[in-house]
Amino acid sequence: MPTIPTLKEAIQKIEHYCAYQERCHDEVFSKLKSLKLNSNEIDEIIVHLIEHNFLNETRFACSFARGKHRIKFWGKIRIINELKFRNISQYNINLGLAEITPEEYATTFDTLAQRNWDSIRESNIQKKRKKCSDFLLRKGFESNLVYDKVNELVKMAHGQNG
């Protein structure tokens, strides 16, 4: 049976947990719960983490939005949904999205769409259109952007083949 850490041990452990990677309040709360701490101890530790800048939800939202867009190529809808799932405030979600410039967003979207379109080995243009659209929607890009881009890719494909 795991031993319940002292408050000092728990603080050291959770500081390391937060320093290793940006965390949201929910992740830290769950981690503290798993250490079998009572709610007063959890509250005390969370206040300590905020006061010592180990826990900062604005910083988390900005880092999360930047990282998921630049590394996983997620669109705004998926980023928003994932942040909401983590109980991040709308204010912080907006600050996080502001980290992604419109130019960067458009470039990432265009590159991802073209790369996916080129990778789909499907001779039926309607099936190819659907596969590409579904992929971009799953990544969290806005449907109007997706459908406009896929239509553009279809026209370009017909221009080359016809």
C-alpha atoms as a PDB file:
ATOM      1  CA  MET A   1       0.000   0.000   0.000  1.00  0.00           C
ATOM      2  CA  PRO A   2       1.465   3.391  -0.969  1.00  0.00           C
ATOM      3  CA  THR A   3       2.270   5.672   1.916  1.00  0.00           C
ATOM      4  CA  ILE A   4       0.547   9.024   2.106  1.00  0.00           C
ATOM      5  CA  PRO A   5       3.189  11.731   1.667  1.00  0.00           C
ATOM      6  CA  THR A   6       3.664  14.518   4.171  1.00  0.00           C
ATOM      7  CA  LEU A   7       2.516  17.964   3.070  1.00  0.00           C
ATOM      8  CA  LYS A   8       6.132  18.970   2.405  1.00  0.00           C
ATOM      9  CA  GLU A   9       6.772  15.833   0.307  1.00  0.00           C
ATOM     10  CA  ALA A  10       3.543  16.357  -1.606  1.00  0.00           C
ATOM     11  CA  ILE A  11       4.468  19.983  -2.366  1.00  0.00           C
ATOM     12  CA  GLN A  12       7.922  18.951  -3.638  1.00  0.00           C
ATOM     13  CA  LYS A  13       6.428  16.202  -5.769  1.00  0.00           C
ATOM     14  CA  ILE A  14       3.720  18.427  -7.281  1.00  0.00           C
ATOM     15  CA  GLU A  15       6.157  21.315  -7.872  1.00  0.00           C
ATOM     16  CA  HIS A  16       8.281  18.928  -9.932  1.00  0.00           C
ATOM     17  CA  TYR A  17       5.135  17.722 -11.741  1.00  0.00           C
ATOM     18  CA  CYS A  18       4.233  21.326 -12.632  1.00  0.00           C
ATOM     19  CA  ALA A  19       7.786  22.369 -13.515  1.00  0.00           C
ATOM     20  CA  TYR A  20       8.191  19.463 -15.929  1.00  0.00           C
ATOM     21  CA  GLN A  21       5.265  20.562 -18.098  1.00  0.00           C
ATOM     22  CA  GLU A  22       2.540  23.227 -17.981  1.00  0.00           C
ATOM     23  CA  ARG A  23      -0.487  21.854 -16.139  1.00  0.00           C
ATOM     24  CA  CYS A  24      -4.062  22.982 -15.733  1.00  0.00           C
ATOM     25  CA  HIS A  25      -5.821  23.083 -12.373  1.00  0.00           C
ATOM     26  CA  ASP A  26      -7.788  19.899 -13.134  1.00  0.00           C
ATOM     27  CA  GLU A  27      -4.626  17.874 -13.827  1.00  0.00           C
ATOM     28  CA  VAL A  28      -2.996  19.082 -10.616  1.00  0.00           C
ATOM     29  CA  PHE A  29      -6.156  18.429  -8.604  1.00  0.00           C
ATOM     30  CA  SER A  30      -6.364  14.863  -9.967  1.00  0.00           C
ATOM     31  CA  LYS A  31      -2.693  14.254  -9.220  1.00  0.00           C
ATOM     32  CA  LEU A  32      -3.110  15.511  -5.642  1.00  0.00           C
ATOM     33  CA  LYS A  33      -6.206  13.325  -5.194  1.00  0.00           C
ATOM     34  CA  SER A  34      -4.168  10.302  -6.348  1.00  0.00           C
ATOM     35  CA  LEU A  35      -1.684  11.064  -3.547  1.00  0.00           C
ATOM     36  CA  LYS A  36      -4.550  10.470  -1.081  1.00  0.00           C
ATOM     37  CA  LEU A  37      -4.448  13.994   0.341  1.00  0.00           C
ATOM     38  CA  ASN A  38      -7.505  15.483   2.009  1.00  0.00           C
ATOM     39  CA  SER A  39      -9.328  18.461   0.511  1.00  0.00           C
ATOM     40  CA  ASN A  40      -7.804  20.996   2.943  1.00  0.00           C
ATOM     41  CA  GLU A  41      -4.291  19.839   2.043  1.00  0.00           C
ATOM     42  CA  ILE A  42      -5.151  19.922  -1.667  1.00  0.00           C
ATOM     43  CA  ASP A  43      -6.493  23.480  -1.359  1.00  0.00           C
ATOM     44  CA  GLU A  44      -3.412  24.567   0.582  1.00  0.00           C
ATOM     45  CA  ILE A  45      -1.057  23.065  -2.024  1.00  0.00           C
ATOM     46  CA  ILE A  46      -2.953  24.587  -4.963  1.00  0.00           C
ATOM     47  CA  VAL A  47      -2.762  28.040  -3.339  1.00  0.00           C
ATOM     48  CA  HIS A  48       0.986  27.482  -2.799  1.00  0.00           C
ATOM     49  CA  LEU A  49       1.453  26.486  -6.466  1.00  0.00           C
ATOM     50  CA  ILE A  50      -0.399  29.571  -7.719  1.00  0.00           C
ATOM     51  CA  GLU A  51       1.460  31.919  -5.352  1.00  0.00           C
ATOM     52  CA  HIS A  52       4.832  30.487  -6.452  1.00  0.00           C
ATOM     53  CA  ASN A  53       3.841  30.553 -10.139  1.00  0.00           C
ATOM     54  CA  PHE A  54       3.973  26.779 -10.644  1.00  0.00           C
ATOM     55  CA  LEU A  55       0.325  26.842 -11.650  1.00  0.00           C
ATOM     56  CA  ASN A  56      -0.927  29.492 -14.048  1.00  0.00           C
ATOM     57  CA  GLU A  57      -3.983  28.770 -16.145  1.00  0.00           C
ATOM     58  CA  THR A  58      -3.329  31.611 -18.617  1.00  0.00           C
ATOM     59  CA  ARG A  59       0.178  30.342 -19.244  1.00  0.00           C
ATOM     60  CA  PHE A  60      -1.201  26.809 -19.615  1.00  0.00           C
ATOM     61  CA  ALA A  61      -3.831  27.888 -22.170  1.00  0.00           C
ATOM     62  CA  CYS A  62      -1.270  29.818 -24.244  1.00  0.00           C
ATOM     63  CA  SER A  63       1.267  27.004 -24.173  1.00  0.00           C
ATOM     64  CA  PHE A  64      -1.393  24.393 -24.958  1.00  0.00           C
ATOM     65  CA  ALA A  65      -2.804  26.339 -27.927  1.00  0.00           C
ATOM     66  CA  ARG A  66       0.648  27.073 -29.384  1.00  0.00           C
ATOM     67  CA  GLY A  67       1.880  23.520 -28.939  1.00  0.00           C
ATOM     68  CA  LYS A  68      -1.173  21.723 -30.273  1.00  0.00           C
ATOM     69  CA  HIS A  69      -1.274  23.987 -33.322  1.00  0.00           C
ATOM     70  CA  ARG A  70       2.444  23.901 -34.139  1.00  0.00           C
ATOM     71  CA  ILE A  71       3.175  20.280 -33.272  1.00  0.00           C
ATOM     72  CA  LYS A  72      -0.090  18.402 -33.814  1.00  0.00           C
ATOM     73  CA  PHE A  73      -1.513  20.848 -36.388  1.00  0.00           C
ATOM     74  CA  TRP A  74      -4.829  21.222 -34.574  1.00  0.00           C
ATOM     75  CA  GLY A  75      -7.376  23.813 -35.647  1.00  0.00           C
ATOM     76  CA  LYS A  76      -9.092  26.295 -33.346  1.00  0.00           C
ATOM     77  CA  ILE A  77     -12.242  24.226 -32.810  1.00  0.00           C
ATOM     78  CA  ARG A  78     -10.309  21.243 -31.457  1.00  0.00           C
ATOM     79  CA  ILE A  79      -8.104  23.475 -29.290  1.00  0.00           C
ATOM     80  CA  ILE A  80     -11.183  25.230 -27.855  1.00  0.00           C
ATOM     81  CA  ASN A  81     -12.938  21.921 -27.133  1.00  0.00           C
ATOM     82  CA  GLU A  82      -9.877  20.433 -25.446  1.00  0.00           C
ATOM     83  CA  LEU A  83      -9.385  23.536 -23.279  1.00  0.00           C
ATOM     84  CA  LYS A  84     -13.094  23.571 -22.324  1.00  0.00           C
ATOM     85  CA  PHE A  85     -12.803  19.891 -21.420  1.00  0.00           C
ATOM     86  CA  ARG A  86     -10.044  20.924 -18.988  1.00  0.00           C
ATOM     87  CA  ASN A  87     -12.326  23.608 -17.481  1.00  0.00           C
ATOM     88  CA  ILE A  88     -10.261  26.511 -18.769  1.00  0.00           C
ATOM     89  CA  SER A  89     -12.119  29.852 -18.711  1.00  0.00           C
ATOM     90  CA  GLN A  90     -13.282  31.455 -21.956  1.00  0.00           C
ATOM     91  CA  TYR A  91     -11.018  34.414 -21.160  1.00  0.00           C
ATOM     92  CA  ASN A  92      -7.947  32.152 -21.045  1.00  0.00           C
ATOM     93  CA  ILE A  93      -9.084  30.205 -24.112  1.00  0.00           C
ATOM     94  CA  ASN A  94      -9.211  33.491 -26.033  1.00  0.00           C
ATOM     95  CA  LEU A  95      -5.734  34.443 -24.810  1.00  0.00           C
ATOM     96  CA  GLY A  96      -4.456  31.022 -25.856  1.00  0.00           C
ATOM     97  CA  LEU A  97      -5.920  31.329 -29.361  1.00  0.00           C
ATOM     98  CA  ALA A  98      -4.367  34.797 -29.688  1.00  0.00           C
ATOM     99  CA  GLU A  99      -0.973  33.042 -29.569  1.00  0.00           C
ATOM    100  CA  ILE A 100      -1.625  31.717 -33.075  1.00  0.00           C
ATOM    101  CA  THR A 101      -1.310  34.441 -35.710  1.00  0.00           C
ATOM    102  CA  PRO A 102      -3.830  34.415 -38.593  1.00  0.00           C
ATOM    103  CA  GLU A 103      -0.911  34.002 -41.022  1.00  0.00           C
ATOM    104  CA  GLU A 104       0.483  30.999 -39.155  1.00  0.00           C
ATOM    105  CA  TYR A 105      -2.992  29.461 -38.912  1.00  0.00           C
ATOM    106  CA  ALA A 106      -3.646  29.884 -42.643  1.00  0.00           C
ATOM    107  CA  THR A 107      -0.212  28.529 -43.596  1.00  0.00           C
ATOM    108  CA  THR A 108      -0.572  25.473 -41.354  1.00  0.00           C
ATOM    109  CA  PHE A 109      -4.081  24.811 -42.663  1.00  0.00           C
ATOM    110  CA  ASP A 110      -3.072  25.126 -46.338  1.00  0.00           C
ATOM    111  CA  THR A 111       0.022  22.927 -45.898  1.00  0.00           C
ATOM    112  CA  LEU A 112      -1.891  20.278 -43.968  1.00  0.00           C
ATOM    113  CA  ALA A 113      -4.765  20.253 -46.472  1.00  0.00           C
ATOM    114  CA  GLN A 114      -2.439  19.944 -49.468  1.00  0.00           C
ATOM    115  CA  ARG A 115      -0.329  17.235 -47.807  1.00  0.00           C
ATOM    116  CA  ASN A 116      -3.412  15.219 -46.875  1.00  0.00           C
ATOM    117  CA  TRP A 117      -4.988  15.657 -50.317  1.00  0.00           C
ATOM    118  CA  ASP A 118      -1.794  14.454 -51.998  1.00  0.00           C
ATOM    119  CA  SER A 119      -1.540  11.433 -49.679  1.00  0.00           C
ATOM    120  CA  ILE A 120      -5.059  10.112 -50.390  1.00  0.00           C
ATOM    121  CA  ARG A 121      -4.885   7.351 -53.002  1.00  0.00           C
ATOM    122  CA  GLU A 122      -8.474   7.425 -54.198  1.00  0.00           C
ATOM    123  CA  SER A 123      -9.569   7.708 -57.820  1.00  0.00           C
ATOM    124  CA  ASN A 124     -13.192   8.562 -56.968  1.00  0.00           C
ATOM    125  CA  ILE A 125     -13.079  12.346 -56.500  1.00  0.00           C
ATOM    126  CA  GLN A 126     -16.149  12.410 -54.200  1.00  0.00           C
ATOM    127  CA  LYS A 127     -14.602   9.816 -51.859  1.00  0.00           C
ATOM    128  CA  LYS A 128     -11.302  11.693 -51.913  1.00  0.00           C
ATOM    129  CA  ARG A 129     -13.132  14.960 -51.144  1.00  0.00           C
ATOM    130  CA  LYS A 130     -14.901  13.312 -48.193  1.00  0.00           C
ATOM    131  CA  LYS A 131     -11.718  11.736 -46.799  1.00  0.00           C
ATOM    132  CA  CYS A 132      -9.834  15.026 -46.956  1.00  0.00           C
ATOM    133  CA  SER A 133     -12.747  17.008 -45.457  1.00  0.00           C
ATOM    134  CA  ASP A 134     -13.213  14.503 -42.635  1.00  0.00           C
ATOM    135  CA  PHE A 135      -9.494  14.614 -41.823  1.00  0.00           C
ATOM    136  CA  LEU A 136      -9.409  18.419 -41.619  1.00  0.00           C
ATOM    137  CA  LEU A 137     -12.624  18.553 -39.569  1.00  0.00           C
ATOM    138  CA  ARG A 138     -11.204  15.974 -37.110  1.00  0.00           C
ATOM    139  CA  LYS A 139      -8.130  18.180 -36.761  1.00  0.00           C
ATOM    140  CA  GLY A 140     -10.495  20.929 -35.624  1.00  0.00           C
ATOM    141  CA  PHE A 141     -10.533  23.342 -38.531  1.00  0.00           C
ATOM    142  CA  GLU A 142     -13.642  25.399 -39.224  1.00  0.00           C
ATOM    143  CA  SER A 143     -16.063  23.768 -41.692  1.00  0.00           C
ATOM    144  CA  ASN A 144     -16.264  26.818 -43.990  1.00  0.00           C
ATOM    145  CA  LEU A 145     -12.452  26.805 -44.350  1.00  0.00           C
ATOM    146  CA  VAL A 146     -12.419  23.048 -44.923  1.00  0.00           C
ATOM    147  CA  TYR A 147     -15.107  23.005 -47.608  1.00  0.00           C
ATOM    148  CA  ASP A 148     -13.669  26.016 -49.437  1.00  0.00           C
ATOM    149  CA  LYS A 149     -10.188  24.475 -49.424  1.00  0.00           C
ATOM    150  CA  VAL A 150     -11.348  21.025 -50.536  1.00  0.00           C
ATOM    151  CA  ASN A 151     -13.348  22.578 -53.387  1.00  0.00           C
ATOM    152  CA  GLU A 152     -10.223  24.491 -54.411  1.00  0.00           C
ATOM    153  CA  LEU A 153      -8.170  21.252 -54.322  1.00  0.00           C
ATOM    154  CA  VAL A 154     -10.799  19.463 -56.431  1.00  0.00           C
ATOM    155  CA  LYS A 155     -10.709  22.262 -59.032  1.00  0.00           C
ATOM    156  CA  MET A 156      -6.906  22.152 -59.111  1.00  0.00           C
ATOM    157  CA  ALA A 157      -6.983  18.350 -59.553  1.00  0.00           C
ATOM    158  CA  HIS A 158      -9.448  18.690 -62.450  1.00  0.00           C
ATOM    159  CA  GLY A 159      -7.287  21.395 -63.986  1.00  0.00           C
ATOM    160  CA  GLN A 160      -4.293  19.048 -63.981  1.00  0.00           C
ATOM    161  CA  ASN A 161      -6.201  15.977 -65.193  1.00  0.00           C
ATOM    162  CA  GLY A 162      -8.483  17.641 -67.714  1.00  0.00           C
END
